[in-house]
Amino acid sequence: SAAFGVASLLAAYAPGAGWLILARALLGVAGATIM
């Protein structure tokens, strides 16, 4: 859950498409721990 919050911040303020893709992948990692 903590990692999900950090990845959400990274996604919200992503400066480019590459950063947003990375943030979405990190959200997937965090989501896989939660479900």
PDB file of all heavy atoms in Angstrom:
ATOM      1  N   SER A   1       0.825  -1.207   0.000  1.00  0.00           N
ATOM      2  CA  SER A   1       0.000   0.000   0.000  1.00  0.00           C
ATOM      3  C   SER A   1       0.865   1.265   0.000  1.00  0.00           C
ATOM      4  O   SER A   1       0.570   2.235  -0.719  1.00  0.00           O
ATOM      5  CB  SER A   1      -0.926   0.006   1.221  1.00  0.00           C
ATOM      6  OG  SER A   1      -1.788  -1.118   1.201  1.00  0.00           O
ATOM      7  N   ALA A   2       1.930   1.249   0.798  1.00  0.00           N
ATOM      8  CA  ALA A   2       2.851   2.394   0.809  1.00  0.00           C
ATOM      9  C   ALA A   2       3.489   2.578  -0.566  1.00  0.00           C
ATOM     10  O   ALA A   2       3.596   3.706  -1.079  1.00  0.00           O
ATOM     11  CB  ALA A   2       3.918   2.190   1.877  1.00  0.00           C
ATOM     12  N   ALA A   3       3.910   1.467  -1.186  1.00  0.00           N
ATOM     13  CA  ALA A   3       4.493   1.546  -2.526  1.00  0.00           C
ATOM     14  C   ALA A   3       3.462   2.046  -3.542  1.00  0.00           C
ATOM     15  O   ALA A   3       3.804   2.786  -4.477  1.00  0.00           O
ATOM     16  CB  ALA A   3       5.019   0.173  -2.944  1.00  0.00           C
ATOM     17  N   PHE A   4       2.205   1.681  -3.347  1.00  0.00           N
ATOM     18  CA  PHE A   4       1.144   2.137  -4.237  1.00  0.00           C
ATOM     19  C   PHE A   4       1.012   3.658  -4.175  1.00  0.00           C
ATOM     20  O   PHE A   4       0.820   4.325  -5.200  1.00  0.00           O
ATOM     21  CB  PHE A   4      -0.183   1.478  -3.829  1.00  0.00           C
ATOM     22  CG  PHE A   4      -1.204   1.414  -4.920  1.00  0.00           C
ATOM     23  CD1 PHE A   4      -1.285   0.298  -5.741  1.00  0.00           C
ATOM     24  CD2 PHE A   4      -2.098   2.444  -5.128  1.00  0.00           C
ATOM     25  CE1 PHE A   4      -2.235   0.227  -6.752  1.00  0.00           C
ATOM     26  CE2 PHE A   4      -3.045   2.385  -6.136  1.00  0.00           C
ATOM     27  CZ  PHE A   4      -3.111   1.272  -6.947  1.00  0.00           C
ATOM     28  N   GLY A   5       1.124   4.211  -2.970  1.00  0.00           N
ATOM     29  CA  GLY A   5       1.057   5.663  -2.817  1.00  0.00           C
ATOM     30  C   GLY A   5       2.214   6.371  -3.493  1.00  0.00           C
ATOM     31  O   GLY A   5       2.032   7.386  -4.178  1.00  0.00           O
ATOM     32  N   VAL A   6       3.433   5.842  -3.323  1.00  0.00           N
ATOM     33  CA  VAL A   6       4.610   6.444  -3.953  1.00  0.00           C
ATOM     34  C   VAL A   6       4.499   6.392  -5.473  1.00  0.00           C
ATOM     35  O   VAL A   6       4.769   7.377  -6.177  1.00  0.00           O
ATOM     36  CB  VAL A   6       5.896   5.731  -3.471  1.00  0.00           C
ATOM     37  CG1 VAL A   6       7.108   6.234  -4.251  1.00  0.00           C
ATOM     38  CG2 VAL A   6       6.099   5.955  -1.971  1.00  0.00           C
ATOM     39  N   ALA A   7       4.089   5.243  -6.004  1.00  0.00           N
ATOM     40  CA  ALA A   7       3.943   5.103  -7.452  1.00  0.00           C
ATOM     41  C   ALA A   7       2.844   6.018  -7.991  1.00  0.00           C
ATOM     42  O   ALA A   7       2.948   6.532  -9.115  1.00  0.00           O
ATOM     43  CB  ALA A   7       3.638   3.653  -7.805  1.00  0.00           C
ATOM     44  N   SER A   8       1.799   6.250  -7.200  1.00  0.00           N
ATOM     45  CA  SER A   8       0.736   7.168  -7.618  1.00  0.00           C
ATOM     46  C   SER A   8       1.264   8.591  -7.755  1.00  0.00           C
ATOM     47  O   SER A   8       0.907   9.318  -8.695  1.00  0.00           O
ATOM     48  CB  SER A   8      -0.423   7.129  -6.615  1.00  0.00           C
ATOM     49  OG  SER A   8      -1.013   5.851  -6.565  1.00  0.00           O
ATOM     50  N   LEU A   9       2.104   9.021  -6.808  1.00  0.00           N
ATOM     51  CA  LEU A   9       2.723  10.351  -6.900  1.00  0.00           C
ATOM     52  C   LEU A   9       3.593  10.455  -8.144  1.00  0.00           C
ATOM     53  O   LEU A   9       3.558  11.469  -8.863  1.00  0.00           O
ATOM     54  CB  LEU A   9       3.560  10.630  -5.650  1.00  0.00           C
ATOM     55  CG  LEU A   9       2.830  11.110  -4.401  1.00  0.00           C
ATOM     56  CD1 LEU A   9       3.789  11.180  -3.221  1.00  0.00           C
ATOM     57  CD2 LEU A   9       2.197  12.479  -4.662  1.00  0.00           C
ATOM     58  N   LEU A  10       4.378   9.423  -8.414  1.00  0.00           N
ATOM     59  CA  LEU A  10       5.237   9.415  -9.589  1.00  0.00           C
ATOM     60  C   LEU A  10       4.402   9.492 -10.866  1.00  0.00           C
ATOM     61  O   LEU A  10       4.754  10.213 -11.811  1.00  0.00           O
ATOM     62  CB  LEU A  10       6.091   8.143  -9.600  1.00  0.00           C
ATOM     63  CG  LEU A  10       7.040   7.952 -10.791  1.00  0.00           C
ATOM     64  CD1 LEU A  10       8.042   9.093 -10.873  1.00  0.00           C
ATOM     65  CD2 LEU A  10       7.774   6.617 -10.672  1.00  0.00           C
ATOM     66  N   ALA A  11       3.285   8.782 -10.906  1.00  0.00           N
ATOM     67  CA  ALA A  11       2.421   8.809 -12.089  1.00  0.00           C
ATOM     68  C   ALA A  11       1.770  10.173 -12.273  1.00  0.00           C
ATOM     69  O   ALA A  11       1.687  10.699 -13.393  1.00  0.00           O
ATOM     70  CB  ALA A  11       1.351   7.727 -11.977  1.00  0.00           C
ATOM     71  N   ALA A  12       1.307  10.771 -11.184  1.00  0.00           N
ATOM     72  CA  ALA A  12       0.599  12.052 -11.275  1.00  0.00           C
ATOM     73  C   ALA A  12       1.489  13.156 -11.829  1.00  0.00           C
ATOM     74  O   ALA A  12       1.016  14.037 -12.558  1.00  0.00           O
ATOM     75  CB  ALA A  12       0.064  12.452  -9.898  1.00  0.00           C
ATOM     76  N   TYR A  13       2.768  13.132 -11.477  1.00  0.00           N
ATOM     77  CA  TYR A  13       3.681  14.200 -11.890  1.00  0.00           C
ATOM     78  C   TYR A  13       4.720  13.708 -12.894  1.00  0.00           C
ATOM     79  O   TYR A  13       5.808  14.279 -13.004  1.00  0.00           O
ATOM     80  CB  TYR A  13       4.364  14.800 -10.666  1.00  0.00           C
ATOM     81  CG  TYR A  13       3.399  15.482  -9.735  1.00  0.00           C
ATOM     82  CD1 TYR A  13       2.986  14.876  -8.545  1.00  0.00           C
ATOM     83  CD2 TYR A  13       2.852  16.721 -10.062  1.00  0.00           C
ATOM     84  CE1 TYR A  13       2.085  15.496  -7.696  1.00  0.00           C
ATOM     85  CE2 TYR A  13       1.943  17.350  -9.217  1.00  0.00           C
ATOM     86  CZ  TYR A  13       1.565  16.732  -8.039  1.00  0.00           C
ATOM     87  OH  TYR A  13       0.663  17.352  -7.214  1.00  0.00           O
ATOM     88  N   ALA A  14       4.380  12.659 -13.648  1.00  0.00           N
ATOM     89  CA  ALA A  14       5.307  12.122 -14.645  1.00  0.00           C
ATOM     90  C   ALA A  14       5.618  13.186 -15.699  1.00  0.00           C
ATOM     91  O   ALA A  14       4.690  13.748 -16.303  1.00  0.00           O
ATOM     92  CB  ALA A  14       4.711  10.889 -15.307  1.00  0.00           C
ATOM     93  N   PRO A  15       6.897  13.461 -15.945  1.00  0.00           N
ATOM     94  CA  PRO A  15       7.240  14.500 -16.926  1.00  0.00           C
ATOM     95  C   PRO A  15       7.170  14.028 -18.373  1.00  0.00           C
ATOM     96  O   PRO A  15       7.233  14.850 -19.290  1.00  0.00           O
ATOM     97  CB  PRO A  15       8.690  14.851 -16.543  1.00  0.00           C
ATOM     98  CG  PRO A  15       9.232  13.592 -15.944  1.00  0.00           C
ATOM     99  CD  PRO A  15       8.077  12.931 -15.245  1.00  0.00           C
ATOM    100  N   GLY A  16       7.082  12.736 -18.574  1.00  0.00           N
ATOM    101  CA  GLY A  16       7.039  12.219 -19.933  1.00  0.00           C
ATOM    102  C   GLY A  16       6.369  10.871 -19.977  1.00  0.00           C
ATOM    103  O   GLY A  16       6.053  10.263 -18.938  1.00  0.00           O
ATOM    104  N   ALA A  17       6.145  10.358 -21.192  1.00  0.00           N
ATOM    105  CA  ALA A  17       5.441   9.091 -21.352  1.00  0.00           C
ATOM    106  C   ALA A  17       6.215   7.929 -20.735  1.00  0.00           C
ATOM    107  O   ALA A  17       5.624   7.019 -20.137  1.00  0.00           O
ATOM    108  CB  ALA A  17       5.191   8.821 -22.840  1.00  0.00           C
ATOM    109  N   GLY A  18       7.557   7.946 -20.865  1.00  0.00           N
ATOM    110  CA  GLY A  18       8.362   6.869 -20.297  1.00  0.00           C
ATOM    111  C   GLY A  18       8.206   6.774 -18.785  1.00  0.00           C
ATOM    112  O   GLY A  18       8.104   5.678 -18.225  1.00  0.00           O
ATOM    113  N   TRP A  19       8.211   7.925 -18.123  1.00  0.00           N
ATOM    114  CA  TRP A  19       8.026   7.940 -16.672  1.00  0.00           C
ATOM    115  C   TRP A  19       6.646   7.416 -16.281  1.00  0.00           C
ATOM    116  O   TRP A  19       6.493   6.704 -15.288  1.00  0.00           O
ATOM    117  CB  TRP A  19       8.211   9.358 -16.131  1.00  0.00           C
ATOM    118  CG  TRP A  19       9.642   9.748 -15.935  1.00  0.00           C
ATOM    119  CD1 TRP A  19      10.418  10.491 -16.759  1.00  0.00           C
ATOM    120  CD2 TRP A  19      10.475   9.378 -14.825  1.00  0.00           C
ATOM    121  NE1 TRP A  19      11.689  10.618 -16.245  1.00  0.00           N
ATOM    122  CE2 TRP A  19      11.751   9.947 -15.054  1.00  0.00           C
ATOM    123  CE3 TRP A  19      10.270   8.627 -13.670  1.00  0.00           C
ATOM    124  CZ2 TRP A  19      12.809   9.789 -14.180  1.00  0.00           C
ATOM    125  CZ3 TRP A  19      11.317   8.463 -12.787  1.00  0.00           C
ATOM    126  CH2 TRP A  19      12.566   9.035 -13.041  1.00  0.00           C
ATOM    127  N   LEU A  20       5.635   7.775 -17.065  1.00  0.00           N
ATOM    128  CA  LEU A  20       4.276   7.319 -16.749  1.00  0.00           C
ATOM    129  C   LEU A  20       4.153   5.808 -16.923  1.00  0.00           C
ATOM    130  O   LEU A  20       3.502   5.130 -16.122  1.00  0.00           O
ATOM    131  CB  LEU A  20       3.261   8.048 -17.631  1.00  0.00           C
ATOM    132  CG  LEU A  20       1.783   7.735 -17.353  1.00  0.00           C
ATOM    133  CD1 LEU A  20       1.432   7.984 -15.894  1.00  0.00           C
ATOM    134  CD2 LEU A  20       0.877   8.571 -18.261  1.00  0.00           C
ATOM    135  N   ILE A  21       4.784   5.253 -17.958  1.00  0.00           N
ATOM    136  CA  ILE A  21       4.773   3.798 -18.149  1.00  0.00           C
ATOM    137  C   ILE A  21       5.445   3.111 -16.971  1.00  0.00           C
ATOM    138  O   ILE A  21       4.943   2.103 -16.433  1.00  0.00           O
ATOM    139  CB  ILE A  21       5.471   3.428 -19.475  1.00  0.00           C
ATOM    140  CG1 ILE A  21       4.643   3.923 -20.659  1.00  0.00           C
ATOM    141  CG2 ILE A  21       5.688   1.916 -19.567  1.00  0.00           C
ATOM    142  CD1 ILE A  21       5.361   3.814 -21.991  1.00  0.00           C
ATOM    143  N   LEU A  22       6.600   3.650 -16.529  1.00  0.00           N
ATOM    144  CA  LEU A  22       7.291   3.086 -15.368  1.00  0.00           C
ATOM    145  C   LEU A  22       6.410   3.152 -14.130  1.00  0.00           C
ATOM    146  O   LEU A  22       6.325   2.180 -13.358  1.00  0.00           O
ATOM    147  CB  LEU A  22       8.600   3.839 -15.137  1.00  0.00           C
ATOM    148  CG  LEU A  22       9.372   3.469 -13.860  1.00  0.00           C
ATOM    149  CD1 LEU A  22       9.807   2.003 -13.899  1.00  0.00           C
ATOM    150  CD2 LEU A  22      10.587   4.385 -13.682  1.00  0.00           C
ATOM    151  N   ALA A  23       5.762   4.291 -13.923  1.00  0.00           N
ATOM    152  CA  ALA A  23       4.904   4.437 -12.746  1.00  0.00           C
ATOM    153  C   ALA A  23       3.737   3.470 -12.791  1.00  0.00           C
ATOM    154  O   ALA A  23       3.352   2.882 -11.771  1.00  0.00           O
ATOM    155  CB  ALA A  23       4.400   5.882 -12.650  1.00  0.00           C
ATOM    156  N   ARG A  24       3.151   3.276 -13.966  1.00  0.00           N
ATOM    157  CA  ARG A  24       2.043   2.328 -14.088  1.00  0.00           C
ATOM    158  C   ARG A  24       2.506   0.904 -13.808  1.00  0.00           C
ATOM    159  O   ARG A  24       1.788   0.115 -13.192  1.00  0.00           O
ATOM    160  CB  ARG A  24       1.446   2.415 -15.497  1.00  0.00           C
ATOM    161  CG  ARG A  24       0.683   3.692 -15.764  1.00  0.00           C
ATOM    162  CD  ARG A  24      -0.689   3.669 -15.151  1.00  0.00           C
ATOM    163  NE  ARG A  24      -1.570   2.755 -15.858  1.00  0.00           N
ATOM    164  CZ  ARG A  24      -2.752   2.347 -15.394  1.00  0.00           C
ATOM    165  NH1 ARG A  24      -3.170   2.742 -14.204  1.00  0.00           N
ATOM    166  NH2 ARG A  24      -3.501   1.524 -16.084  1.00  0.00           N
ATOM    167  N   ALA A  25       3.719   0.555 -14.245  1.00  0.00           N
ATOM    168  CA  ALA A  25       4.258  -0.771 -13.946  1.00  0.00           C
ATOM    169  C   ALA A  25       4.475  -0.939 -12.447  1.00  0.00           C
ATOM    170  O   ALA A  25       4.165  -2.000 -11.873  1.00  0.00           O
ATOM    171  CB  ALA A  25       5.566  -0.988 -14.702  1.00  0.00           C
ATOM    172  N   LEU A  26       4.992   0.100 -11.777  1.00  0.00           N
ATOM    173  CA  LEU A  26       5.188   0.034 -10.330  1.00  0.00           C
ATOM    174  C   LEU A  26       3.850  -0.078  -9.599  1.00  0.00           C
ATOM    175  O   LEU A  26       3.738  -0.777  -8.583  1.00  0.00           O
ATOM    176  CB  LEU A  26       5.951   1.265  -9.844  1.00  0.00           C
ATOM    177  CG  LEU A  26       7.402   1.368 -10.311  1.00  0.00           C
ATOM    178  CD1 LEU A  26       8.020   2.689  -9.845  1.00  0.00           C
ATOM    179  CD2 LEU A  26       8.220   0.193  -9.773  1.00  0.00           C
ATOM    180  N   LEU A  27       2.828   0.594 -10.114  1.00  0.00           N
ATOM    181  CA  LEU A  27       1.491   0.437  -9.536  1.00  0.00           C
ATOM    182  C   LEU A  27       1.012  -1.008  -9.673  1.00  0.00           C
ATOM    183  O   LEU A  27       0.343  -1.543  -8.772  1.00  0.00           O
ATOM    184  CB  LEU A  27       0.505   1.382 -10.229  1.00  0.00           C
ATOM    185  CG  LEU A  27       0.554   2.849  -9.803  1.00  0.00           C
ATOM    186  CD1 LEU A  27      -0.239   3.722 -10.773  1.00  0.00           C
ATOM    187  CD2 LEU A  27       0.018   3.024  -8.389  1.00  0.00           C
ATOM    188  N   GLY A  28       1.355  -1.652 -10.790  1.00  0.00           N
ATOM    189  CA  GLY A  28       0.993  -3.056 -10.967  1.00  0.00           C
ATOM    190  C   GLY A  28       1.689  -3.958  -9.970  1.00  0.00           C
ATOM    191  O   GLY A  28       1.082  -4.886  -9.416  1.00  0.00           O
ATOM    192  N   VAL A  29       2.994  -3.681  -9.710  1.00  0.00           N
ATOM    193  CA  VAL A  29       3.731  -4.453  -8.697  1.00  0.00           C
ATOM    194  C   VAL A  29       3.065  -4.295  -7.331  1.00  0.00           C
ATOM    195  O   VAL A  29       2.828  -5.278  -6.613  1.00  0.00           O
ATOM    196  CB  VAL A  29       5.202  -4.004  -8.635  1.00  0.00           C
ATOM    197  CG1 VAL A  29       5.924  -4.707  -7.490  1.00  0.00           C
ATOM    198  CG2 VAL A  29       5.910  -4.284  -9.957  1.00  0.00           C
ATOM    199  N   ALA A  30       2.761  -3.054  -6.964  1.00  0.00           N
ATOM    200  CA  ALA A  30       2.141  -2.800  -5.659  1.00  0.00           C
ATOM    201  C   ALA A  30       0.748  -3.421  -5.588  1.00  0.00           C
ATOM    202  O   ALA A  30       0.359  -4.012  -4.568  1.00  0.00           O
ATOM    203  CB  ALA A  30       2.070  -1.295  -5.402  1.00  0.00           C
ATOM    204  N   GLY A  31      -0.013  -3.312  -6.661  1.00  0.00           N
ATOM    205  CA  GLY A  31      -1.347  -3.899  -6.676  1.00  0.00           C
ATOM    206  C   GLY A  31      -1.316  -5.406  -6.522  1.00  0.00           C
ATOM    207  O   GLY A  31      -2.200  -5.999  -5.890  1.00  0.00           O
ATOM    208  N   ALA A  32      -0.282  -6.041  -7.080  1.00  0.00           N
ATOM    209  CA  ALA A  32      -0.153  -7.492  -6.964  1.00  0.00           C
ATOM    210  C   ALA A  32       0.110  -7.924  -5.531  1.00  0.00           C
ATOM    211  O   ALA A  32      -0.194  -9.067  -5.158  1.00  0.00           O
ATOM    212  CB  ALA A  32       0.972  -7.996  -7.876  1.00  0.00           C
ATOM    213  N   THR A  33       0.685  -7.062  -4.708  1.00  0.00           N
ATOM    214  CA  THR A  33       0.879  -7.390  -3.292  1.00  0.00           C
ATOM    215  C   THR A  33      -0.408  -7.215  -2.489  1.00  0.00           C
ATOM    216  O   THR A  33      -0.606  -7.886  -1.478  1.00  0.00           O
ATOM    217  CB  THR A  33       1.975  -6.499  -2.667  1.00  0.00           C
ATOM    218  OG1 THR A  33       1.511  -5.144  -2.588  1.00  0.00           O
ATOM    219  CG2 THR A  33       3.253  -6.550  -3.467  1.00  0.00           C
ATOM    220  N   ILE A  34      -1.274  -6.329  -2.956  1.00  0.00           N
ATOM    221  CA  ILE A  34      -2.475  -5.986  -2.185  1.00  0.00           C
ATOM    222  C   ILE A  34      -3.588  -7.010  -2.396  1.00  0.00           C
ATOM    223  O   ILE A  34      -4.205  -7.486  -1.429  1.00  0.00           O
ATOM    224  CB  ILE A  34      -2.958  -4.571  -2.565  1.00  0.00           C
ATOM    225  CG1 ILE A  34      -1.933  -3.520  -2.118  1.00  0.00           C
ATOM    226  CG2 ILE A  34      -4.316  -4.284  -1.926  1.00  0.00           C
ATOM    227  CD1 ILE A  34      -2.247  -2.119  -2.604  1.00  0.00           C
ATOM    228  N   MET A  35      -3.872  -7.381  -3.643  1.00  0.00           N
ATOM    229  CA  MET A  35      -5.061  -8.182  -3.942  1.00  0.00           C
ATOM    230  C   MET A  35      -5.074  -9.544  -3.238  1.00  0.00           C
ATOM    231  O   MET A  35      -6.034  -9.860  -2.519  1.00  0.00           O
ATOM    232  CB  MET A  35      -5.206  -8.351  -5.450  1.00  0.00           C
ATOM    233  CG  MET A  35      -5.569  -7.075  -6.182  1.00  0.00           C
ATOM    234  SD  MET A  35      -7.195  -6.436  -5.724  1.00  0.00           S
ATOM    235  CE  MET A  35      -8.267  -7.511  -6.662  1.00  0.00           C
TER     236      MET A  35
END
